[in-house]
């Protein structure tokens, strides 16, 4: 299991108005004891195919500025896409 996902689930639980106080207390304890209060280091590795897909979506999105589209296109070229 990815520690970042586990910590993220507990963080989400703390902010969910539909979960019990007991559940929130458990999540707080887990974050404090196992994740230094929720500070989890990311591996920093991103799936290049997911990044390329997001950049391609940016180039097609009508709600994105022309500047952002051009930046996405350049990043895709830099990736060889």
PDB file of N, CA and C in Angstrom:
ATOM      1  N   UNK A   1       0.833  -1.179   0.000  1.00  0.00           N
ATOM      2  CA  UNK A   1       0.000   0.000   0.000  1.00  0.00           C
ATOM      3  C   UNK A   1       0.880   1.245   0.000  1.00  0.00           C
ATOM      4  N   UNK A   2       0.521   2.246  -0.754  1.00  0.00           N
ATOM      5  CA  UNK A   2       1.269   3.486  -0.844  1.00  0.00           C
ATOM      6  C   UNK A   2       1.019   4.323   0.411  1.00  0.00           C
ATOM      7  N   UNK A   3       2.083   4.651   1.161  1.00  0.00           N
ATOM      8  CA  UNK A   3       1.897   5.428   2.391  1.00  0.00           C
ATOM      9  C   UNK A   3       1.232   6.778   2.152  1.00  0.00           C
ATOM     10  N   UNK A   4       1.513   7.383   1.016  1.00  0.00           N
ATOM     11  CA  UNK A   4       0.882   8.664   0.704  1.00  0.00           C
ATOM     12  C   UNK A   4      -0.621   8.540   0.554  1.00  0.00           C
ATOM     13  N   UNK A   5      -1.061   7.433  -0.038  1.00  0.00           N
ATOM     14  CA  UNK A   5      -2.500   7.214  -0.189  1.00  0.00           C
ATOM     15  C   UNK A   5      -3.159   6.953   1.158  1.00  0.00           C
ATOM     16  N   UNK A   6      -2.477   6.202   2.011  1.00  0.00           N
ATOM     17  CA  UNK A   6      -3.019   5.906   3.344  1.00  0.00           C
ATOM     18  C   UNK A   6      -3.159   7.204   4.134  1.00  0.00           C
ATOM     19  N   UNK A   7      -2.092   8.002   4.160  1.00  0.00           N
ATOM     20  CA  UNK A   7      -2.145   9.274   4.888  1.00  0.00           C
ATOM     21  C   UNK A   7      -3.213  10.185   4.289  1.00  0.00           C
ATOM     22  N   UNK A   8      -3.307  10.195   2.962  1.00  0.00           N
ATOM     23  CA  UNK A   8      -4.319  11.023   2.305  1.00  0.00           C
ATOM     24  C   UNK A   8      -5.732  10.627   2.681  1.00  0.00           C
ATOM     25  N   UNK A   9      -5.957   9.336   2.829  1.00  0.00           N
ATOM     26  CA  UNK A   9      -7.283   8.867   3.246  1.00  0.00           C
ATOM     27  C   UNK A   9      -7.622   9.320   4.653  1.00  0.00           C
ATOM     28  N   UNK A  10      -6.627   9.260   5.535  1.00  0.00           N
ATOM     29  CA  UNK A  10      -6.863   9.716   6.908  1.00  0.00           C
ATOM     30  C   UNK A  10      -7.078  11.228   6.959  1.00  0.00           C
ATOM     31  N   UNK A  11      -6.335  11.967   6.151  1.00  0.00           N
ATOM     32  CA  UNK A  11      -6.530  13.419   6.095  1.00  0.00           C
ATOM     33  C   UNK A  11      -7.932  13.749   5.589  1.00  0.00           C
ATOM     34  N   UNK A  12      -8.376  13.020   4.577  1.00  0.00           N
ATOM     35  CA  UNK A  12      -9.720  13.245   4.040  1.00  0.00           C
ATOM     36  C   UNK A  12     -10.772  12.939   5.088  1.00  0.00           C
ATOM     37  N   UNK A  13     -10.547  11.883   5.859  1.00  0.00           N
ATOM     38  CA  UNK A  13     -11.492  11.504   6.905  1.00  0.00           C
ATOM     39  C   UNK A  13     -11.647  12.621   7.933  1.00  0.00           C
ATOM     40  N   UNK A  14     -10.538  13.280   8.270  1.00  0.00           N
ATOM     41  CA  UNK A  14     -10.599  14.361   9.257  1.00  0.00           C
ATOM     42  C   UNK A  14     -11.469  15.521   8.782  1.00  0.00           C
ATOM     43  N   UNK A  15     -11.553  15.714   7.479  1.00  0.00           N
ATOM     44  CA  UNK A  15     -12.322  16.832   6.928  1.00  0.00           C
ATOM     45  C   UNK A  15     -13.702  16.433   6.420  1.00  0.00           C
ATOM     46  N   UNK A  16     -14.059  15.171   6.607  1.00  0.00           N
ATOM     47  CA  UNK A  16     -15.343  14.681   6.115  1.00  0.00           C
ATOM     48  C   UNK A  16     -16.422  14.886   7.179  1.00  0.00           C
ATOM     49  N   UNK A  17     -17.435  15.704   6.900  1.00  0.00           N
ATOM     50  CA  UNK A  17     -18.473  15.946   7.899  1.00  0.00           C
ATOM     51  C   UNK A  17     -19.364  14.727   8.161  1.00  0.00           C
ATOM     52  N   UNK A  18     -19.254  13.694   7.330  1.00  0.00           N
ATOM     53  CA  UNK A  18     -20.113  12.517   7.475  1.00  0.00           C
ATOM     54  C   UNK A  18     -19.473  11.394   8.271  1.00  0.00           C
ATOM     55  N   UNK A  19     -18.259  11.605   8.797  1.00  0.00           N
ATOM     56  CA  UNK A  19     -17.621  10.555   9.590  1.00  0.00           C
ATOM     57  C   UNK A  19     -17.730  10.884  11.072  1.00  0.00           C
ATOM     58  N   UNK A  20     -17.715   9.840  11.884  1.00  0.00           N
ATOM     59  CA  UNK A  20     -17.896  10.009  13.326  1.00  0.00           C
ATOM     60  C   UNK A  20     -16.662  10.623  13.968  1.00  0.00           C
ATOM     61  N   UNK A  21     -16.856  11.177  15.158  1.00  0.00           N
ATOM     62  CA  UNK A  21     -15.741  11.727  15.918  1.00  0.00           C
ATOM     63  C   UNK A  21     -14.747  10.627  16.293  1.00  0.00           C
ATOM     64  N   UNK A  22     -15.252   9.435  16.560  1.00  0.00           N
ATOM     65  CA  UNK A  22     -14.385   8.305  16.888  1.00  0.00           C
ATOM     66  C   UNK A  22     -13.474   7.987  15.697  1.00  0.00           C
ATOM     67  N   UNK A  23     -14.039   7.980  14.514  1.00  0.00           N
ATOM     68  CA  UNK A  23     -13.271   7.716  13.307  1.00  0.00           C
ATOM     69  C   UNK A  23     -12.230   8.808  13.078  1.00  0.00           C
ATOM     70  N   UNK A  24     -12.621  10.054  13.304  1.00  0.00           N
ATOM     71  CA  UNK A  24     -11.687  11.161  13.136  1.00  0.00           C
ATOM     72  C   UNK A  24     -10.551  11.072  14.147  1.00  0.00           C
ATOM     73  N   UNK A  25     -10.856  10.687  15.363  1.00  0.00           N
ATOM     74  CA  UNK A  25      -9.827  10.543  16.391  1.00  0.00           C
ATOM     75  C   UNK A  25      -8.837   9.448  15.993  1.00  0.00           C
ATOM     76  N   UNK A  26      -9.361   8.338  15.476  1.00  0.00           N
ATOM     77  CA  UNK A  26      -8.490   7.250  15.023  1.00  0.00           C
ATOM     78  C   UNK A  26      -7.561   7.742  13.906  1.00  0.00           C
ATOM     79  N   UNK A  27      -8.111   8.467  12.937  1.00  0.00           N
ATOM     80  CA  UNK A  27      -7.299   8.975  11.840  1.00  0.00           C
ATOM     81  C   UNK A  27      -6.225   9.935  12.347  1.00  0.00           C
ATOM     82  N   UNK A  28      -6.593  10.777  13.302  1.00  0.00           N
ATOM     83  CA  UNK A  28      -5.612  11.713  13.867  1.00  0.00           C
ATOM     84  C   UNK A  28      -4.490  10.947  14.561  1.00  0.00           C
ATOM     85  N   UNK A  29      -4.833   9.905  15.300  1.00  0.00           N
ATOM     86  CA  UNK A  29      -3.814   9.103  15.988  1.00  0.00           C
ATOM     87  C   UNK A  29      -2.889   8.407  14.990  1.00  0.00           C
ATOM     88  N   UNK A  30      -3.464   7.853  13.935  1.00  0.00           N
ATOM     89  CA  UNK A  30      -2.644   7.179  12.921  1.00  0.00           C
ATOM     90  C   UNK A  30      -1.699   8.182  12.266  1.00  0.00           C
ATOM     91  N   UNK A  31      -2.215   9.356  11.905  1.00  0.00           N
ATOM     92  CA  UNK A  31      -1.374  10.366  11.288  1.00  0.00           C
ATOM     93  C   UNK A  31      -0.248  10.803  12.224  1.00  0.00           C
ATOM     94  N   UNK A  32      -0.574  11.005  13.492  1.00  0.00           N
ATOM     95  CA  UNK A  32       0.433  11.441  14.465  1.00  0.00           C
ATOM     96  C   UNK A  32       1.481  10.365  14.719  1.00  0.00           C
ATOM     97  N   UNK A  33       1.048   9.115  14.840  1.00  0.00           N
ATOM     98  CA  UNK A  33       1.955   8.043  15.226  1.00  0.00           C
ATOM     99  C   UNK A  33       2.743   7.466  14.052  1.00  0.00           C
ATOM    100  N   UNK A  34       2.125   7.336  12.908  1.00  0.00           N
ATOM    101  CA  UNK A  34       2.762   6.647  11.793  1.00  0.00           C
ATOM    102  C   UNK A  34       3.235   7.568  10.672  1.00  0.00           C
ATOM    103  N   UNK A  35       2.713   8.775  10.621  1.00  0.00           N
ATOM    104  CA  UNK A  35       3.013   9.653   9.497  1.00  0.00           C
ATOM    105  C   UNK A  35       3.457  11.040   9.935  1.00  0.00           C
ATOM    106  N   UNK A  36       4.037  11.151  11.113  1.00  0.00           N
ATOM    107  CA  UNK A  36       4.566  12.432  11.589  1.00  0.00           C
ATOM    108  C   UNK A  36       3.537  13.547  11.406  1.00  0.00           C
ATOM    109  N   UNK A  37       2.308  13.271  11.783  1.00  0.00           N
ATOM    110  CA  UNK A  37       1.248  14.260  11.663  1.00  0.00           C
ATOM    111  C   UNK A  37       0.697  14.427  10.263  1.00  0.00           C
ATOM    112  N   UNK A  38       1.095  13.556   9.347  1.00  0.00           N
ATOM    113  CA  UNK A  38       0.589  13.620   7.983  1.00  0.00           C
ATOM    114  C   UNK A  38       1.635  14.045   6.976  1.00  0.00           C
ATOM    115  N   UNK A  39       2.867  14.245   7.437  1.00  0.00           N
ATOM    116  CA  UNK A  39       3.948  14.619   6.522  1.00  0.00           C
ATOM    117  C   UNK A  39       4.518  13.367   5.887  1.00  0.00           C
ATOM    118  N   UNK A  40       4.136  13.111   4.660  1.00  0.00           N
ATOM    119  CA  UNK A  40       4.584  11.923   3.942  1.00  0.00           C
ATOM    120  C   UNK A  40       5.382  12.370   2.730  1.00  0.00           C
ATOM    121  N   UNK A  41       6.582  11.830   2.595  1.00  0.00           N
ATOM    122  CA  UNK A  41       7.401  12.176   1.438  1.00  0.00           C
ATOM    123  C   UNK A  41       6.875  11.454   0.205  1.00  0.00           C
ATOM    124  N   UNK A  42       6.802  12.189  -0.862  1.00  0.00           N
ATOM    125  CA  UNK A  42       6.402  11.613  -2.138  1.00  0.00           C
ATOM    126  C   UNK A  42       7.632  11.001  -2.796  1.00  0.00           C
ATOM    127  N   UNK A  43       7.405   9.966  -3.561  1.00  0.00           N
ATOM    128  CA  UNK A  43       8.519   9.363  -4.287  1.00  0.00           C
ATOM    129  C   UNK A  43       9.011  10.313  -5.376  1.00  0.00           C
ATOM    130  N   UNK A  44       8.177  11.295  -5.727  1.00  0.00           N
ATOM    131  CA  UNK A  44       8.543  12.269  -6.741  1.00  0.00           C
ATOM    132  C   UNK A  44       8.430  11.745  -8.157  1.00  0.00           C
ATOM    133  N   UNK A  45       8.168  10.464  -8.296  1.00  0.00           N
ATOM    134  CA  UNK A  45       8.071   9.883  -9.620  1.00  0.00           C
ATOM    135  C   UNK A  45       6.642   9.968 -10.125  1.00  0.00           C
ATOM    136  N   UNK A  46       6.512  10.503 -11.330  1.00  0.00           N
ATOM    137  CA  UNK A  46       5.194  10.583 -11.953  1.00  0.00           C
ATOM    138  C   UNK A  46       5.206   9.693 -13.178  1.00  0.00           C
ATOM    139  N   UNK A  47       4.068   9.115 -13.460  1.00  0.00           N
ATOM    140  CA  UNK A  47       3.943   8.270 -14.633  1.00  0.00           C
ATOM    141  C   UNK A  47       3.974   9.166 -15.871  1.00  0.00           C
ATOM    142  N   UNK A  48       4.985   9.021 -16.726  1.00  0.00           N
ATOM    143  CA  UNK A  48       5.098   9.900 -17.900  1.00  0.00           C
ATOM    144  C   UNK A  48       3.882   9.849 -18.818  1.00  0.00           C
ATOM    145  N   UNK A  49       3.235   8.698 -18.895  1.00  0.00           N
ATOM    146  CA  UNK A  49       2.051   8.594 -19.755  1.00  0.00           C
ATOM    147  C   UNK A  49       0.894   9.415 -19.179  1.00  0.00           C
ATOM    148  N   UNK A  50       0.773   9.437 -17.853  1.00  0.00           N
ATOM    149  CA  UNK A  50      -0.266  10.250 -17.225  1.00  0.00           C
ATOM    150  C   UNK A  50       0.026  11.735 -17.409  1.00  0.00           C
ATOM    151  N   UNK A  51       1.305  12.103 -17.280  1.00  0.00           N
ATOM    152  CA  UNK A  51       1.688  13.497 -17.474  1.00  0.00           C
ATOM    153  C   UNK A  51       1.367  13.917 -18.906  1.00  0.00           C
ATOM    154  N   UNK A  52       1.756  13.101 -19.873  1.00  0.00           N
ATOM    155  CA  UNK A  52       1.483  13.415 -21.277  1.00  0.00           C
ATOM    156  C   UNK A  52      -0.017  13.526 -21.526  1.00  0.00           C
ATOM    157  N   UNK A  53      -0.792  12.636 -20.935  1.00  0.00           N
ATOM    158  CA  UNK A  53      -2.246  12.698 -21.101  1.00  0.00           C
ATOM    159  C   UNK A  53      -2.831  13.982 -20.552  1.00  0.00           C
ATOM    160  N   UNK A  54      -2.338  14.411 -19.410  1.00  0.00           N
ATOM    161  CA  UNK A  54      -2.808  15.671 -18.827  1.00  0.00           C
ATOM    162  C   UNK A  54      -2.433  16.865 -19.678  1.00  0.00           C
ATOM    163  N   UNK A  55      -1.219  16.831 -20.212  1.00  0.00           N
ATOM    164  CA  UNK A  55      -0.783  17.931 -21.082  1.00  0.00           C
ATOM    165  C   UNK A  55      -1.599  17.965 -22.371  1.00  0.00           C
ATOM    166  N   UNK A  56      -1.883  16.798 -22.933  1.00  0.00           N
ATOM    167  CA  UNK A  56      -2.710  16.746 -24.145  1.00  0.00           C
ATOM    168  C   UNK A  56      -4.118  17.277 -23.865  1.00  0.00           C
ATOM    169  N   UNK A  57      -4.637  16.934 -22.701  1.00  0.00           N
ATOM    170  CA  UNK A  57      -5.966  17.437 -22.333  1.00  0.00           C
ATOM    171  C   UNK A  57      -5.940  18.961 -22.199  1.00  0.00           C
ATOM    172  N   UNK A  58      -4.847  19.484 -21.661  1.00  0.00           N
ATOM    173  CA  UNK A  58      -4.708  20.934 -21.520  1.00  0.00           C
ATOM    174  C   UNK A  58      -4.764  21.628 -22.867  1.00  0.00           C
ATOM    175  N   UNK A  59      -4.138  21.025 -23.870  1.00  0.00           N
ATOM    176  CA  UNK A  59      -4.115  21.661 -25.190  1.00  0.00           C
ATOM    177  C   UNK A  59      -5.484  21.694 -25.843  1.00  0.00           C
ATOM    178  N   UNK A  60      -6.383  20.815 -25.429  1.00  0.00           N
ATOM    179  CA  UNK A  60      -7.718  20.736 -26.034  1.00  0.00           C
ATOM    180  C   UNK A  60      -8.803  21.442 -25.210  1.00  0.00           C
ATOM    181  N   UNK A  61      -8.462  21.853 -23.986  1.00  0.00           N
ATOM    182  CA  UNK A  61      -9.450  22.407 -23.073  1.00  0.00           C
ATOM    183  C   UNK A  61      -9.754  23.862 -23.431  1.00  0.00           C
ATOM    184  N   UNK A  62     -11.018  24.182 -23.759  1.00  0.00           N
ATOM    185  CA  UNK A  62     -11.353  25.562 -24.134  1.00  0.00           C
ATOM    186  C   UNK A  62     -11.286  26.540 -22.958  1.00  0.00           C
ATOM    187  N   UNK A  63     -11.222  26.039 -21.734  1.00  0.00           N
ATOM    188  CA  UNK A  63     -11.174  26.903 -20.553  1.00  0.00           C
ATOM    189  C   UNK A  63      -9.750  27.228 -20.112  1.00  0.00           C
ATOM    190  N   UNK A  64      -8.766  26.810 -20.888  1.00  0.00           N
ATOM    191  CA  UNK A  64      -7.363  27.026 -20.560  1.00  0.00           C
ATOM    192  C   UNK A  64      -6.821  28.158 -21.429  1.00  0.00           C
ATOM    193  N   UNK A  65      -5.976  29.004 -20.845  1.00  0.00           N
ATOM    194  CA  UNK A  65      -5.418  30.134 -21.592  1.00  0.00           C
ATOM    195  C   UNK A  65      -4.507  29.657 -22.720  1.00  0.00           C
ATOM    196  N   UNK A  66      -4.327  30.527 -23.688  1.00  0.00           N
ATOM    197  CA  UNK A  66      -3.449  30.212 -24.806  1.00  0.00           C
ATOM    198  C   UNK A  66      -2.021  30.001 -24.314  1.00  0.00           C
ATOM    199  N   UNK A  67      -1.615  30.771 -23.340  1.00  0.00           N
ATOM    200  CA  UNK A  67      -0.273  30.636 -22.773  1.00  0.00           C
ATOM    201  C   UNK A  67      -0.071  29.243 -22.162  1.00  0.00           C
ATOM    202  N   UNK A  68      -1.076  28.765 -21.432  1.00  0.00           N
ATOM    203  CA  UNK A  68      -0.983  27.430 -20.824  1.00  0.00           C
ATOM    204  C   UNK A  68      -0.958  26.345 -21.903  1.00  0.00           C
ATOM    205  N   UNK A  69      -1.737  26.550 -22.958  1.00  0.00           N
ATOM    206  CA  UNK A  69      -1.752  25.576 -24.053  1.00  0.00           C
ATOM    207  C   UNK A  69      -0.390  25.503 -24.728  1.00  0.00           C
ATOM    208  N   UNK A  70       0.215  26.665 -24.959  1.00  0.00           N
ATOM    209  CA  UNK A  70       1.528  26.691 -25.588  1.00  0.00           C
ATOM    210  C   UNK A  70       2.583  26.046 -24.692  1.00  0.00           C
ATOM    211  N   UNK A  71       2.486  26.292 -23.399  1.00  0.00           N
ATOM    212  CA  UNK A  71       3.418  25.672 -22.453  1.00  0.00           C
ATOM    213  C   UNK A  71       3.260  24.155 -22.466  1.00  0.00           C
ATOM    214  N   UNK A  72       2.027  23.683 -22.484  1.00  0.00           N
ATOM    215  CA  UNK A  72       1.767  22.242 -22.520  1.00  0.00           C
ATOM    216  C   UNK A  72       2.301  21.628 -23.807  1.00  0.00           C
ATOM    217  N   UNK A  73       2.103  22.327 -24.916  1.00  0.00           N
ATOM    218  CA  UNK A  73       2.603  21.821 -26.204  1.00  0.00           C
ATOM    219  C   UNK A  73       4.129  21.720 -26.188  1.00  0.00           C
ATOM    220  N   UNK A  74       4.794  22.717 -25.602  1.00  0.00           N
ATOM    221  CA  UNK A  74       6.248  22.688 -25.526  1.00  0.00           C
ATOM    222  C   UNK A  74       6.730  21.546 -24.637  1.00  0.00           C
ATOM    223  N   UNK A  75       6.067  21.347 -23.533  1.00  0.00           N
ATOM    224  CA  UNK A  75       6.445  20.242 -22.636  1.00  0.00           C
ATOM    225  C   UNK A  75       6.249  18.890 -23.327  1.00  0.00           C
ATOM    226  N   UNK A  76       5.173  18.764 -24.108  1.00  0.00           N
ATOM    227  CA  UNK A  76       4.960  17.532 -24.864  1.00  0.00           C
ATOM    228  C   UNK A  76       6.089  17.312 -25.876  1.00  0.00           C
ATOM    229  N   UNK A  77       6.494  18.380 -26.554  1.00  0.00           N
ATOM    230  CA  UNK A  77       7.608  18.258 -27.508  1.00  0.00           C
ATOM    231  C   UNK A  77       8.880  17.845 -26.786  1.00  0.00           C
ATOM    232  N   UNK A  78       9.119  18.429 -25.608  1.00  0.00           N
ATOM    233  CA  UNK A  78      10.302  18.088 -24.816  1.00  0.00           C
ATOM    234  C   UNK A  78      10.286  16.626 -24.381  1.00  0.00           C
ATOM    235  N   UNK A  79       9.069  16.084 -24.226  1.00  0.00           N
ATOM    236  CA  UNK A  79       8.929  14.671 -23.834  1.00  0.00           C
ATOM    237  C   UNK A  79       8.991  13.739 -25.035  1.00  0.00           C
ATOM    238  N   UNK A  80       9.022  14.310 -26.235  1.00  0.00           N
ATOM    239  CA  UNK A  80       9.040  13.496 -27.441  1.00  0.00           C
ATOM    240  C   UNK A  80       7.669  13.025 -27.876  1.00  0.00           C
ATOM    241  N   UNK A  81       6.644  13.728 -27.450  1.00  0.00           N
ATOM    242  CA  UNK A  81       5.262  13.356 -27.786  1.00  0.00           C
ATOM    243  C   UNK A  81       4.770  14.125 -28.988  1.00  0.00           C
TER     244      UNK A  81
END
